[in-house]
PDB file of all heavy atoms in Angstrom:
ATOM      1  N   GLY A   1     209.105  69.346 223.058  1.00  0.00           N
ATOM      2  CA  GLY A   1     210.124  68.230 222.951  1.00  0.00           C
ATOM      3  C   GLY A   1     209.600  66.884 223.431  1.00  0.00           C
ATOM      4  O   GLY A   1     208.498  66.431 223.201  1.00  0.00           O
ATOM      5  N   ALA A   2     210.579  66.100 223.896  1.00  0.00           N
ATOM      6  CA  ALA A   2     210.437  64.729 224.282  1.00  0.00           C
ATOM      7  C   ALA A   2     209.278  64.459 225.311  1.00  0.00           C
ATOM      8  O   ALA A   2     208.589  63.491 225.189  1.00  0.00           O
ATOM      9  CB  ALA A   2     211.734  64.170 224.859  1.00  0.00           C
ATOM     10  N   GLY A   3     209.237  65.384 226.309  1.00  0.00           N
ATOM     11  CA  GLY A   3     208.149  65.203 227.321  1.00  0.00           C
ATOM     12  C   GLY A   3     206.783  65.340 226.670  1.00  0.00           C
ATOM     13  O   GLY A   3     205.877  64.602 226.950  1.00  0.00           O
ATOM     14  N   GLU A   4     206.549  66.341 225.753  1.00  0.00           N
ATOM     15  CA  GLU A   4     205.310  66.487 225.198  1.00  0.00           C
ATOM     16  C   GLU A   4     204.948  65.328 224.289  1.00  0.00           C
ATOM     17  O   GLU A   4     203.839  64.782 224.392  1.00  0.00           O
ATOM     18  CB  GLU A   4     205.378  67.813 224.327  1.00  0.00           C
ATOM     19  CG  GLU A   4     203.993  68.041 223.541  1.00  0.00           C
ATOM     20  CD  GLU A   4     204.052  69.203 222.656  1.00  0.00           C
ATOM     21  OE1 GLU A   4     205.169  69.508 222.007  1.00  0.00           O
ATOM     22  OE2 GLU A   4     203.084  69.883 222.431  1.00  0.00           O
ATOM     23  N   ASP A   5     205.906  64.956 223.512  1.00  0.00           N
ATOM     24  CA  ASP A   5     205.713  63.742 222.658  1.00  0.00           C
ATOM     25  C   ASP A   5     205.322  62.524 223.386  1.00  0.00           C
ATOM     26  O   ASP A   5     204.463  61.771 223.032  1.00  0.00           O
ATOM     27  CB  ASP A   5     206.969  63.504 221.734  1.00  0.00           C
ATOM     28  CG  ASP A   5     207.233  64.535 220.734  1.00  0.00           C
ATOM     29  OD1 ASP A   5     206.423  65.372 220.530  1.00  0.00           O
ATOM     30  OD2 ASP A   5     208.426  64.543 220.326  1.00  0.00           O
ATOM     31  N   PHE A   6     206.026  62.341 224.545  1.00  0.00           N
ATOM     32  CA  PHE A   6     205.702  61.076 225.348  1.00  0.00           C
ATOM     33  C   PHE A   6     204.313  61.197 225.899  1.00  0.00           C
ATOM     34  O   PHE A   6     203.568  60.197 225.920  1.00  0.00           O
ATOM     35  CB  PHE A   6     206.757  60.955 226.417  1.00  0.00           C
ATOM     36  CG  PHE A   6     206.528  59.865 227.397  1.00  0.00           C
ATOM     37  CD1 PHE A   6     206.754  58.568 227.046  1.00  0.00           C
ATOM     38  CD2 PHE A   6     205.819  60.012 228.638  1.00  0.00           C
ATOM     39  CE1 PHE A   6     206.408  57.432 227.877  1.00  0.00           C
ATOM     40  CE2 PHE A   6     205.623  58.967 229.476  1.00  0.00           C
ATOM     41  CZ  PHE A   6     205.900  57.668 229.020  1.00  0.00           C
ATOM     42  N   LEU A   7     204.017  62.316 226.524  1.00  0.00           N
ATOM     43  CA  LEU A   7     202.588  62.476 227.032  1.00  0.00           C
ATOM     44  C   LEU A   7     201.513  62.218 226.020  1.00  0.00           C
ATOM     45  O   LEU A   7     200.541  61.508 226.240  1.00  0.00           O
ATOM     46  CB  LEU A   7     202.456  63.913 227.615  1.00  0.00           C
ATOM     47  CG  LEU A   7     203.009  64.129 228.983  1.00  0.00           C
ATOM     48  CD1 LEU A   7     202.770  65.525 229.505  1.00  0.00           C
ATOM     49  CD2 LEU A   7     202.581  63.149 230.087  1.00  0.00           C
ATOM     50  N   HIS A   8     201.631  62.932 224.877  1.00  0.00           N
ATOM     51  CA  HIS A   8     200.554  62.886 223.890  1.00  0.00           C
ATOM     52  C   HIS A   8     200.439  61.684 222.981  1.00  0.00           C
ATOM     53  O   HIS A   8     199.460  61.400 222.465  1.00  0.00           O
ATOM     54  CB  HIS A   8     200.420  64.272 223.213  1.00  0.00           C
ATOM     55  CG  HIS A   8     200.233  65.389 223.995  1.00  0.00           C
ATOM     56  ND1 HIS A   8     198.854  65.640 224.578  1.00  0.00           N
ATOM     57  CD2 HIS A   8     200.968  66.307 224.520  1.00  0.00           C
ATOM     58  CE1 HIS A   8     198.929  66.672 225.303  1.00  0.00           C
ATOM     59  NE2 HIS A   8     200.321  67.151 225.388  1.00  0.00           N
ATOM     60  N   GLU A   9     201.595  61.104 222.771  1.00  0.00           N
ATOM     61  CA  GLU A   9     201.662  59.968 221.797  1.00  0.00           C
ATOM     62  C   GLU A   9     201.725  58.617 222.469  1.00  0.00           C
ATOM     63  O   GLU A   9     201.404  57.589 221.954  1.00  0.00           O
ATOM     64  CB  GLU A   9     202.895  60.175 220.915  1.00  0.00           C
ATOM     65  CG  GLU A   9     202.793  61.358 219.957  1.00  0.00           C
ATOM     66  CD  GLU A   9     204.047  61.625 219.187  1.00  0.00           C
ATOM     67  OE1 GLU A   9     204.895  60.693 218.988  1.00  0.00           O
ATOM     68  OE2 GLU A   9     204.127  62.732 218.528  1.00  0.00           O
ATOM     69  N   VAL A  10     202.207  58.649 223.668  1.00  0.00           N
ATOM     70  CA  VAL A  10     202.378  57.310 224.411  1.00  0.00           C
ATOM     71  C   VAL A  10     201.567  57.282 225.693  1.00  0.00           C
ATOM     72  O   VAL A  10     200.629  56.337 225.833  1.00  0.00           O
ATOM     73  CB  VAL A  10     203.917  57.098 224.814  1.00  0.00           C
ATOM     74  CG1 VAL A  10     203.974  55.853 225.547  1.00  0.00           C
ATOM     75  CG2 VAL A  10     204.804  57.062 223.497  1.00  0.00           C
ATOM     76  N   PHE A  11     201.790  58.164 226.595  1.00  0.00           N
ATOM     77  CA  PHE A  11     201.189  57.977 227.918  1.00  0.00           C
ATOM     78  C   PHE A  11     199.616  58.207 228.025  1.00  0.00           C
ATOM     79  O   PHE A  11     198.901  57.291 228.399  1.00  0.00           O
ATOM     80  CB  PHE A  11     201.892  58.796 228.944  1.00  0.00           C
ATOM     81  CG  PHE A  11     201.259  58.599 230.386  1.00  0.00           C
ATOM     82  CD1 PHE A  11     201.535  57.427 230.999  1.00  0.00           C
ATOM     83  CD2 PHE A  11     200.416  59.426 230.919  1.00  0.00           C
ATOM     84  CE1 PHE A  11     200.998  57.123 232.317  1.00  0.00           C
ATOM     85  CE2 PHE A  11     199.806  59.252 232.181  1.00  0.00           C
ATOM     86  CZ  PHE A  11     200.203  58.123 232.862  1.00  0.00           C
ATOM     87  N   PHE A  12     199.234  59.468 227.515  1.00  0.00           N
ATOM     88  CA  PHE A  12     197.818  59.723 227.618  1.00  0.00           C
ATOM     89  C   PHE A  12     196.943  58.878 226.808  1.00  0.00           C
ATOM     90  O   PHE A  12     195.819  58.331 227.330  1.00  0.00           O
ATOM     91  CB  PHE A  12     197.386  61.126 227.384  1.00  0.00           C
ATOM     92  CG  PHE A  12     197.832  62.069 228.466  1.00  0.00           C
ATOM     93  CD1 PHE A  12     198.407  63.328 228.264  1.00  0.00           C
ATOM     94  CD2 PHE A  12     197.528  61.701 229.791  1.00  0.00           C
ATOM     95  CE1 PHE A  12     198.769  64.175 229.355  1.00  0.00           C
ATOM     96  CE2 PHE A  12     197.879  62.487 230.924  1.00  0.00           C
ATOM     97  CZ  PHE A  12     198.436  63.862 230.620  1.00  0.00           C
ATOM     98  N   PRO A  13     197.338  58.424 225.663  1.00  0.00           N
ATOM     99  CA  PRO A  13     196.406  57.358 224.924  1.00  0.00           C
ATOM    100  C   PRO A  13     196.310  56.109 225.751  1.00  0.00           C
ATOM    101  O   PRO A  13     195.212  55.555 225.758  1.00  0.00           O
ATOM    102  CB  PRO A  13     197.210  57.134 223.592  1.00  0.00           C
ATOM    103  CG  PRO A  13     197.892  58.385 223.411  1.00  0.00           C
ATOM    104  CD  PRO A  13     198.359  58.890 224.744  1.00  0.00           C
ATOM    105  N   TYR A  14     197.364  55.631 226.395  1.00  0.00           N
ATOM    106  CA  TYR A  14     197.233  54.419 227.286  1.00  0.00           C
ATOM    107  C   TYR A  14     196.408  54.672 228.369  1.00  0.00           C
ATOM    108  O   TYR A  14     195.530  53.886 228.745  1.00  0.00           O
ATOM    109  CB  TYR A  14     198.715  54.093 227.704  1.00  0.00           C
ATOM    110  CG  TYR A  14     198.799  52.905 228.608  1.00  0.00           C
ATOM    111  CD1 TYR A  14     198.517  51.700 228.357  1.00  0.00           C
ATOM    112  CD2 TYR A  14     198.769  53.194 230.015  1.00  0.00           C
ATOM    113  CE1 TYR A  14     198.541  50.590 229.133  1.00  0.00           C
ATOM    114  CE2 TYR A  14     198.783  52.167 230.967  1.00  0.00           C
ATOM    115  CZ  TYR A  14     198.666  50.869 230.494  1.00  0.00           C
ATOM    116  OH  TYR A  14     198.584  49.850 231.407  1.00  0.00           O
ATOM    117  N   TRP A  15     196.661  55.841 229.124  1.00  0.00           N
ATOM    118  CA  TRP A  15     195.989  56.210 230.362  1.00  0.00           C
ATOM    119  C   TRP A  15     194.467  56.380 230.127  1.00  0.00           C
ATOM    120  O   TRP A  15     193.660  55.870 230.949  1.00  0.00           O
ATOM    121  CB  TRP A  15     196.602  57.461 230.891  1.00  0.00           C
ATOM    122  CG  TRP A  15     195.869  58.095 232.114  1.00  0.00           C
ATOM    123  CD1 TRP A  15     195.069  59.075 232.203  1.00  0.00           C
ATOM    124  CD2 TRP A  15     196.071  57.508 233.484  1.00  0.00           C
ATOM    125  NE1 TRP A  15     194.653  59.283 233.394  1.00  0.00           N
ATOM    126  CE2 TRP A  15     195.199  58.338 234.243  1.00  0.00           C
ATOM    127  CE3 TRP A  15     196.753  56.466 234.026  1.00  0.00           C
ATOM    128  CZ2 TRP A  15     195.054  58.164 235.603  1.00  0.00           C
ATOM    129  CZ3 TRP A  15     196.650  56.305 235.440  1.00  0.00           C
ATOM    130  CH2 TRP A  15     195.899  57.116 236.215  1.00  0.00           C
ATOM    131  N   GLN A  16     194.159  56.957 228.988  1.00  0.00           N
ATOM    132  CA  GLN A  16     192.692  57.327 228.727  1.00  0.00           C
ATOM    133  C   GLN A  16     191.950  55.975 228.287  1.00  0.00           C
ATOM    134  O   GLN A  16     190.709  55.996 228.355  1.00  0.00           O
ATOM    135  CB  GLN A  16     192.601  58.354 227.703  1.00  0.00           C
ATOM    136  CG  GLN A  16     192.981  59.638 228.359  1.00  0.00           C
ATOM    137  CD  GLN A  16     193.183  60.789 227.346  1.00  0.00           C
ATOM    138  OE1 GLN A  16     193.221  60.610 226.141  1.00  0.00           O
ATOM    139  NE2 GLN A  16     193.427  62.001 227.773  1.00  0.00           N
ATOM    140  N   ASN A  17     192.564  54.909 228.025  1.00  0.00           N
ATOM    141  CA  ASN A  17     191.922  53.648 227.722  1.00  0.00           C
ATOM    142  C   ASN A  17     191.811  52.710 228.857  1.00  0.00           C
ATOM    143  O   ASN A  17     191.194  51.667 228.732  1.00  0.00           O
ATOM    144  CB  ASN A  17     192.727  52.898 226.494  1.00  0.00           C
ATOM    145  CG  ASN A  17     192.400  53.549 225.177  1.00  0.00           C
ATOM    146  OD1 ASN A  17     191.279  53.797 224.857  1.00  0.00           O
ATOM    147  ND2 ASN A  17     193.448  53.810 224.430  1.00  0.00           N
ATOM    148  N   LEU A  18     192.350  53.159 230.045  1.00  0.00           N
ATOM    149  CA  LEU A  18     192.018  52.442 231.335  1.00  0.00           C
ATOM    150  C   LEU A  18     190.768  52.920 231.916  1.00  0.00           C
ATOM    151  O   LEU A  18     190.406  54.037 231.868  1.00  0.00           O
ATOM    152  CB  LEU A  18     193.176  52.671 232.222  1.00  0.00           C
ATOM    153  CG  LEU A  18     194.565  52.321 231.836  1.00  0.00           C
ATOM    154  CD1 LEU A  18     195.618  52.641 232.863  1.00  0.00           C
ATOM    155  CD2 LEU A  18     194.662  50.869 231.430  1.00  0.00           C
ATOM    156  N   ASN A  19     190.137  51.907 232.576  1.00  0.00           N
ATOM    157  CA  ASN A  19     188.854  52.420 233.375  1.00  0.00           C
ATOM    158  C   ASN A  19     189.415  52.962 234.699  1.00  0.00           C
ATOM    159  O   ASN A  19     190.584  52.854 235.041  1.00  0.00           O
ATOM    160  CB  ASN A  19     187.925  51.274 233.526  1.00  0.00           C
ATOM    161  CG  ASN A  19     188.491  50.061 234.271  1.00  0.00           C
ATOM    162  OD1 ASN A  19     189.203  50.204 235.299  1.00  0.00           O
ATOM    163  ND2 ASN A  19     188.035  48.922 233.821  1.00  0.00           N
ATOM    164  N   GLN A  20     188.457  53.419 235.614  1.00  0.00           N
ATOM    165  CA  GLN A  20     188.923  54.089 236.765  1.00  0.00           C
ATOM    166  C   GLN A  20     189.647  53.113 237.712  1.00  0.00           C
ATOM    167  O   GLN A  20     190.604  53.593 238.220  1.00  0.00           O
ATOM    168  CB  GLN A  20     187.610  54.675 237.480  1.00  0.00           C
ATOM    169  CG  GLN A  20     187.096  55.988 236.980  1.00  0.00           C
ATOM    170  CD  GLN A  20     186.061  56.654 237.677  1.00  0.00           C
ATOM    171  OE1 GLN A  20     185.238  55.909 238.384  1.00  0.00           O
ATOM    172  NE2 GLN A  20     186.037  57.896 237.795  1.00  0.00           N
ATOM    173  N   SER A  21     189.261  51.959 237.819  1.00  0.00           N
ATOM    174  CA  SER A  21     189.865  51.036 238.778  1.00  0.00           C
ATOM    175  C   SER A  21     191.342  50.605 238.272  1.00  0.00           C
ATOM    176  O   SER A  21     192.273  50.578 238.977  1.00  0.00           O
ATOM    177  CB  SER A  21     189.058  49.764 239.003  1.00  0.00           C
ATOM    178  OG  SER A  21     188.814  49.014 237.790  1.00  0.00           O
ATOM    179  N   GLN A  22     191.469  50.615 236.850  1.00  0.00           N
ATOM    180  CA  GLN A  22     192.690  50.303 236.289  1.00  0.00           C
ATOM    181  C   GLN A  22     193.663  51.528 236.429  1.00  0.00           C
ATOM    182  O   GLN A  22     194.915  51.224 236.754  1.00  0.00           O
ATOM    183  CB  GLN A  22     192.591  49.940 234.769  1.00  0.00           C
ATOM    184  CG  GLN A  22     191.862  48.631 234.552  1.00  0.00           C
ATOM    185  CD  GLN A  22     191.610  48.430 233.118  1.00  0.00           C
ATOM    186  OE1 GLN A  22     191.109  49.375 232.348  1.00  0.00           O
ATOM    187  NE2 GLN A  22     191.651  47.248 232.474  1.00  0.00           N
ATOM    188  N   GLN A  23     193.154  52.748 236.287  1.00  0.00           N
ATOM    189  CA  GLN A  23     193.881  53.864 236.515  1.00  0.00           C
ATOM    190  C   GLN A  23     194.487  53.971 237.994  1.00  0.00           C
ATOM    191  O   GLN A  23     195.626  54.239 238.252  1.00  0.00           O
ATOM    192  CB  GLN A  23     193.120  55.117 236.159  1.00  0.00           C
ATOM    193  CG  GLN A  23     192.913  55.364 234.772  1.00  0.00           C
ATOM    194  CD  GLN A  23     192.058  56.552 234.416  1.00  0.00           C
ATOM    195  OE1 GLN A  23     191.394  57.071 235.187  1.00  0.00           O
ATOM    196  NE2 GLN A  23     192.010  56.887 233.080  1.00  0.00           N
ATOM    197  N   ALA A  24     193.593  53.713 238.950  1.00  0.00           N
ATOM    198  CA  ALA A  24     193.912  53.690 240.358  1.00  0.00           C
ATOM    199  C   ALA A  24     194.950  52.740 240.543  1.00  0.00           C
ATOM    200  O   ALA A  24     195.993  52.852 241.319  1.00  0.00           O
ATOM    201  CB  ALA A  24     192.666  53.388 241.250  1.00  0.00           C
ATOM    202  N   ALA A  25     194.892  51.441 240.083  1.00  0.00           N
ATOM    203  CA  ALA A  25     195.901  50.498 240.198  1.00  0.00           C
ATOM    204  C   ALA A  25     197.253  50.878 239.589  1.00  0.00           C
ATOM    205  O   ALA A  25     198.244  50.515 240.140  1.00  0.00           O
ATOM    206  CB  ALA A  25     195.331  49.109 239.681  1.00  0.00           C
ATOM    207  N   TYR A  26     197.103  51.352 238.395  1.00  0.00           N
ATOM    208  CA  TYR A  26     198.337  51.888 237.746  1.00  0.00           C
ATOM    209  C   TYR A  26     199.135  52.990 238.579  1.00  0.00           C
ATOM    210  O   TYR A  26     200.325  52.866 238.813  1.00  0.00           O
ATOM    211  CB  TYR A  26     197.989  52.494 236.378  1.00  0.00           C
ATOM    212  CG  TYR A  26     199.267  52.987 235.539  1.00  0.00           C
ATOM    213  CD1 TYR A  26     199.885  52.116 234.707  1.00  0.00           C
ATOM    214  CD2 TYR A  26     199.633  54.266 235.707  1.00  0.00           C
ATOM    215  CE1 TYR A  26     201.021  52.513 233.857  1.00  0.00           C
ATOM    216  CE2 TYR A  26     200.758  54.655 235.012  1.00  0.00           C
ATOM    217  CZ  TYR A  26     201.394  53.925 234.170  1.00  0.00           C
ATOM    218  OH  TYR A  26     202.513  54.272 233.436  1.00  0.00           O
ATOM    219  N   PHE A  27     198.399  53.902 239.101  1.00  0.00           N
ATOM    220  CA  PHE A  27     198.928  54.930 239.929  1.00  0.00           C
ATOM    221  C   PHE A  27     199.661  54.351 241.160  1.00  0.00           C
ATOM    222  O   PHE A  27     200.682  54.720 241.568  1.00  0.00           O
ATOM    223  CB  PHE A  27     198.020  56.018 240.254  1.00  0.00           C
ATOM    224  CG  PHE A  27     198.627  57.264 240.908  1.00  0.00           C
ATOM    225  CD1 PHE A  27     199.390  58.158 240.124  1.00  0.00           C
ATOM    226  CD2 PHE A  27     198.536  57.404 242.291  1.00  0.00           C
ATOM    227  CE1 PHE A  27     200.039  59.234 240.981  1.00  0.00           C
ATOM    228  CE2 PHE A  27     199.164  58.428 243.001  1.00  0.00           C
ATOM    229  CZ  PHE A  27     199.863  59.415 242.265  1.00  0.00           C
ATOM    230  N   GLN A  28     198.898  53.383 241.754  1.00  0.00           N
ATOM    231  CA  GLN A  28     199.347  52.852 242.990  1.00  0.00           C
ATOM    232  C   GLN A  28     200.646  52.012 242.636  1.00  0.00           C
ATOM    233  O   GLN A  28     201.634  52.102 243.571  1.00  0.00           O
ATOM    234  CB  GLN A  28     198.251  51.965 243.609  1.00  0.00           C
ATOM    235  CG  GLN A  28     198.621  51.299 244.949  1.00  0.00           C
ATOM    236  CD  GLN A  28     197.663  50.459 245.566  1.00  0.00           C
ATOM    237  OE1 GLN A  28     196.557  50.141 244.898  1.00  0.00           O
ATOM    238  NE2 GLN A  28     197.760  50.073 246.800  1.00  0.00           N
ATOM    239  N   LYS A  29     200.676  51.397 241.581  1.00  0.00           N
ATOM    240  CA  LYS A  29     201.866  50.534 241.190  1.00  0.00           C
ATOM    241  C   LYS A  29     202.980  51.430 241.081  1.00  0.00           C
ATOM    242  O   LYS A  29     204.202  51.027 241.425  1.00  0.00           O
ATOM    243  CB  LYS A  29     201.546  49.817 239.934  1.00  0.00           C
ATOM    244  CG  LYS A  29     202.656  49.059 239.362  1.00  0.00           C
ATOM    245  CD  LYS A  29     202.273  48.238 238.019  1.00  0.00           C
ATOM    246  CE  LYS A  29     203.408  47.565 237.491  1.00  0.00           C
ATOM    247  NZ  LYS A  29     203.035  46.754 236.281  1.00  0.00           N
ATOM    248  N   PHE A  30     202.923  52.665 240.450  1.00  0.00           N
ATOM    249  CA  PHE A  30     204.017  53.544 240.233  1.00  0.00           C
ATOM    250  C   PHE A  30     204.053  54.759 241.188  1.00  0.00           C
ATOM    251  O   PHE A  30     204.772  55.695 240.841  1.00  0.00           O
ATOM    252  CB  PHE A  30     203.924  53.962 238.737  1.00  0.00           C
ATOM    253  CG  PHE A  30     204.148  52.901 237.752  1.00  0.00           C
ATOM    254  CD1 PHE A  30     203.178  52.393 237.034  1.00  0.00           C
ATOM    255  CD2 PHE A  30     205.457  52.365 237.497  1.00  0.00           C
ATOM    256  CE1 PHE A  30     203.414  51.279 236.062  1.00  0.00           C
ATOM    257  CE2 PHE A  30     205.672  51.408 236.597  1.00  0.00           C
ATOM    258  CZ  PHE A  30     204.655  50.871 235.829  1.00  0.00           C
ATOM    259  N   ASP A  31     203.455  54.700 242.212  1.00  0.00           N
ATOM    260  CA  ASP A  31     203.450  55.803 243.290  1.00  0.00           C
ATOM    261  C   ASP A  31     204.821  55.730 243.940  1.00  0.00           C
ATOM    262  O   ASP A  31     205.300  54.656 244.464  1.00  0.00           O
ATOM    263  CB  ASP A  31     202.328  55.544 244.360  1.00  0.00           C
ATOM    264  CG  ASP A  31     202.244  56.590 245.243  1.00  0.00           C
ATOM    265  OD1 ASP A  31     203.082  57.527 245.346  1.00  0.00           O
ATOM    266  OD2 ASP A  31     201.187  56.694 246.019  1.00  0.00           O
ATOM    267  N   LEU A  32     205.434  56.827 243.910  1.00  0.00           N
ATOM    268  CA  LEU A  32     206.905  56.908 244.462  1.00  0.00           C
ATOM    269  C   LEU A  32     206.961  57.158 246.008  1.00  0.00           C
ATOM    270  O   LEU A  32     207.986  57.266 246.601  1.00  0.00           O
ATOM    271  CB  LEU A  32     207.693  58.060 243.781  1.00  0.00           C
ATOM    272  CG  LEU A  32     207.883  57.838 242.283  1.00  0.00           C
ATOM    273  CD1 LEU A  32     208.728  59.131 241.585  1.00  0.00           C
ATOM    274  CD2 LEU A  32     208.743  56.511 241.981  1.00  0.00           C
ATOM    275  N   GLY A  33     205.701  57.228 246.620  1.00  0.00           N
ATOM    276  CA  GLY A  33     205.700  57.360 248.014  1.00  0.00           C
ATOM    277  C   GLY A  33     205.693  58.826 248.656  1.00  0.00           C
ATOM    278  O   GLY A  33     205.587  59.811 247.909  1.00  0.00           O
ATOM    279  N   SER A  34     205.820  58.815 249.952  1.00  0.00           N
ATOM    280  CA  SER A  34     205.507  60.200 250.630  1.00  0.00           C
ATOM    281  C   SER A  34     206.781  61.145 250.407  1.00  0.00           C
ATOM    282  O   SER A  34     206.544  62.413 250.590  1.00  0.00           O
ATOM    283  CB  SER A  34     205.534  59.943 252.195  1.00  0.00           C
ATOM    284  OG  SER A  34     206.712  59.269 252.599  1.00  0.00           O
ATOM    285  N   LYS A  35     207.915  60.716 249.944  1.00  0.00           N
ATOM    286  CA  LYS A  35     209.038  61.654 249.680  1.00  0.00           C
ATOM    287  C   LYS A  35     208.854  62.344 248.326  1.00  0.00           C
ATOM    288  O   LYS A  35     209.588  63.232 248.022  1.00  0.00           O
ATOM    289  CB  LYS A  35     210.368  60.915 249.731  1.00  0.00           C
ATOM    290  CG  LYS A  35     210.750  60.425 251.059  1.00  0.00           C
ATOM    291  CD  LYS A  35     212.093  59.669 250.993  1.00  0.00           C
ATOM    292  CE  LYS A  35     212.596  59.174 252.367  1.00  0.00           C
ATOM    293  NZ  LYS A  35     213.860  58.570 252.252  1.00  0.00           N
ATOM    294  N   TRP A  36     207.944  61.882 247.516  1.00  0.00           N
ATOM    295  CA  TRP A  36     207.660  62.412 246.175  1.00  0.00           C
ATOM    296  C   TRP A  36     206.909  63.744 246.315  1.00  0.00           C
ATOM    297  O   TRP A  36     205.674  63.716 246.493  1.00  0.00           O
ATOM    298  CB  TRP A  36     206.930  61.367 245.389  1.00  0.00           C
ATOM    299  CG  TRP A  36     206.575  61.636 244.017  1.00  0.00           C
ATOM    300  CD1 TRP A  36     207.286  62.494 243.179  1.00  0.00           C
ATOM    301  CD2 TRP A  36     205.522  61.096 243.236  1.00  0.00           C
ATOM    302  NE1 TRP A  36     206.752  62.542 241.926  1.00  0.00           N
ATOM    303  CE2 TRP A  36     205.649  61.664 241.939  1.00  0.00           C
ATOM    304  CE3 TRP A  36     204.624  60.162 243.463  1.00  0.00           C
ATOM    305  CZ2 TRP A  36     204.833  61.338 240.866  1.00  0.00           C
ATOM    306  CZ3 TRP A  36     203.696  59.874 242.480  1.00  0.00           C
ATOM    307  CH2 TRP A  36     203.790  60.410 241.210  1.00  0.00           C
ATOM    308  N   GLU A  37     207.601  64.831 246.151  1.00  0.00           N
ATOM    309  CA  GLU A  37     207.027  66.157 246.321  1.00  0.00           C
ATOM    310  C   GLU A  37     205.897  66.447 245.285  1.00  0.00           C
ATOM    311  O   GLU A  37     204.893  67.222 245.607  1.00  0.00           O
ATOM    312  CB  GLU A  37     208.004  67.252 246.311  1.00  0.00           C
ATOM    313  CG  GLU A  37     209.085  67.203 247.339  1.00  0.00           C
ATOM    314  CD  GLU A  37     210.167  68.282 247.290  1.00  0.00           C
ATOM    315  OE1 GLU A  37     209.736  69.317 246.670  1.00  0.00           O
ATOM    316  OE2 GLU A  37     211.190  68.167 247.740  1.00  0.00           O
ATOM    317  N   ASP A  38     205.864  65.926 244.224  1.00  0.00           N
ATOM    318  CA  ASP A  38     204.953  66.319 243.083  1.00  0.00           C
ATOM    319  C   ASP A  38     203.860  65.289 243.039  1.00  0.00           C
ATOM    320  O   ASP A  38     202.993  65.334 242.053  1.00  0.00           O
ATOM    321  CB  ASP A  38     205.599  66.369 241.729  1.00  0.00           C
ATOM    322  CG  ASP A  38     206.618  67.625 241.657  1.00  0.00           C
ATOM    323  OD1 ASP A  38     206.345  68.546 242.441  1.00  0.00           O
ATOM    324  OD2 ASP A  38     207.557  67.513 240.828  1.00  0.00           O
ATOM    325  N   ARG A  39     203.647  64.451 244.046  1.00  0.00           N
ATOM    326  CA  ARG A  39     202.637  63.397 243.966  1.00  0.00           C
ATOM    327  C   ARG A  39     201.275  63.868 243.798  1.00  0.00           C
ATOM    328  O   ARG A  39     200.568  63.557 242.942  1.00  0.00           O
ATOM    329  CB  ARG A  39     202.697  62.573 245.327  1.00  0.00           C
ATOM    330  CG  ARG A  39     201.777  61.364 245.292  1.00  0.00           C
ATOM    331  CD  ARG A  39     201.865  60.650 246.654  1.00  0.00           C
ATOM    332  NE  ARG A  39     201.051  59.491 246.564  1.00  0.00           N
ATOM    333  CZ  ARG A  39     199.740  59.401 246.704  1.00  0.00           C
ATOM    334  NH1 ARG A  39     199.012  60.517 246.957  1.00  0.00           N
ATOM    335  NH2 ARG A  39     199.081  58.185 246.717  1.00  0.00           N
ATOM    336  N   SER A  40     200.796  64.950 244.579  1.00  0.00           N
ATOM    337  CA  SER A  40     199.484  65.448 244.373  1.00  0.00           C
ATOM    338  C   SER A  40     199.246  66.123 243.169  1.00  0.00           C
ATOM    339  O   SER A  40     198.133  65.987 242.534  1.00  0.00           O
ATOM    340  CB  SER A  40     199.102  66.275 245.635  1.00  0.00           C
ATOM    341  OG  SER A  40     199.975  67.382 245.734  1.00  0.00           O
ATOM    342  N   GLN A  41     200.213  66.762 242.682  1.00  0.00           N
ATOM    343  CA  GLN A  41     200.104  67.489 241.448  1.00  0.00           C
ATOM    344  C   GLN A  41     199.972  66.527 240.145  1.00  0.00           C
ATOM    345  O   GLN A  41     199.124  66.835 239.267  1.00  0.00           O
ATOM    346  CB  GLN A  41     201.306  68.471 241.123  1.00  0.00           C
ATOM    347  CG  GLN A  41     201.342  69.670 241.967  1.00  0.00           C
ATOM    348  CD  GLN A  41     202.567  70.497 241.869  1.00  0.00           C
ATOM    349  OE1 GLN A  41     203.693  69.986 242.234  1.00  0.00           O
ATOM    350  NE2 GLN A  41     202.396  71.624 241.277  1.00  0.00           N
ATOM    351  N   TRP A  42     200.719  65.470 240.200  1.00  0.00           N
ATOM    352  CA  TRP A  42     200.620  64.483 239.246  1.00  0.00           C
ATOM    353  C   TRP A  42     199.224  63.761 239.279  1.00  0.00           C
ATOM    354  O   TRP A  42     198.524  63.560 238.186  1.00  0.00           O
ATOM    355  CB  TRP A  42     201.663  63.375 239.202  1.00  0.00           C
ATOM    356  CG  TRP A  42     202.891  63.710 238.434  1.00  0.00           C
ATOM    357  CD1 TRP A  42     204.103  64.140 239.040  1.00  0.00           C
ATOM    358  CD2 TRP A  42     203.048  63.920 237.062  1.00  0.00           C
ATOM    359  NE1 TRP A  42     204.971  64.467 237.965  1.00  0.00           N
ATOM    360  CE2 TRP A  42     204.278  64.365 236.754  1.00  0.00           C
ATOM    361  CE3 TRP A  42     202.178  63.825 235.948  1.00  0.00           C
ATOM    362  CZ2 TRP A  42     204.736  64.605 235.399  1.00  0.00           C
ATOM    363  CZ3 TRP A  42     202.568  64.031 234.727  1.00  0.00           C
ATOM    364  CH2 TRP A  42     203.862  64.377 234.425  1.00  0.00           C
ATOM    365  N   LEU A  43     198.762  63.417 240.486  1.00  0.00           N
ATOM    366  CA  LEU A  43     197.509  62.897 240.647  1.00  0.00           C
ATOM    367  C   LEU A  43     196.296  63.789 240.074  1.00  0.00           C
ATOM    368  O   LEU A  43     195.504  63.250 239.421  1.00  0.00           O
ATOM    369  CB  LEU A  43     197.193  62.513 242.089  1.00  0.00           C
ATOM    370  CG  LEU A  43     196.029  61.718 242.478  1.00  0.00           C
ATOM    371  CD1 LEU A  43     195.913  60.369 241.585  1.00  0.00           C
ATOM    372  CD2 LEU A  43     196.023  61.351 243.948  1.00  0.00           C
ATOM    373  N   GLU A  44     196.377  65.075 240.377  1.00  0.00           N
ATOM    374  CA  GLU A  44     195.398  65.980 239.855  1.00  0.00           C
ATOM    375  C   GLU A  44     195.509  66.058 238.343  1.00  0.00           C
ATOM    376  O   GLU A  44     194.455  66.093 237.689  1.00  0.00           O
ATOM    377  CB  GLU A  44     195.685  67.344 240.413  1.00  0.00           C
ATOM    378  CG  GLU A  44     195.365  67.530 241.898  1.00  0.00           C
ATOM    379  CD  GLU A  44     195.797  68.846 242.444  1.00  0.00           C
ATOM    380  OE1 GLU A  44     196.143  69.737 241.663  1.00  0.00           O
ATOM    381  OE2 GLU A  44     195.886  69.014 243.709  1.00  0.00           O
ATOM    382  N   SER A  45     196.822  66.011 237.847  1.00  0.00           N
ATOM    383  CA  SER A  45     196.884  66.002 236.299  1.00  0.00           C
ATOM    384  C   SER A  45     196.159  64.794 235.643  1.00  0.00           C
ATOM    385  O   SER A  45     195.575  64.845 234.606  1.00  0.00           O
ATOM    386  CB  SER A  45     198.267  66.167 235.930  1.00  0.00           C
ATOM    387  OG  SER A  45     198.443  66.126 234.540  1.00  0.00           O
TER     388      SER A  45
END
């Protein structure tokens, strides 16, 4: 559904075109903080 379409058609193509420092900056910009339970799982993904 919508989640799969978003990941494969929008997000991952954008993410994979960023270099490592750009990816780190992007994640830092959108990091929801310490209350975010899924933080480490998203970072691993």
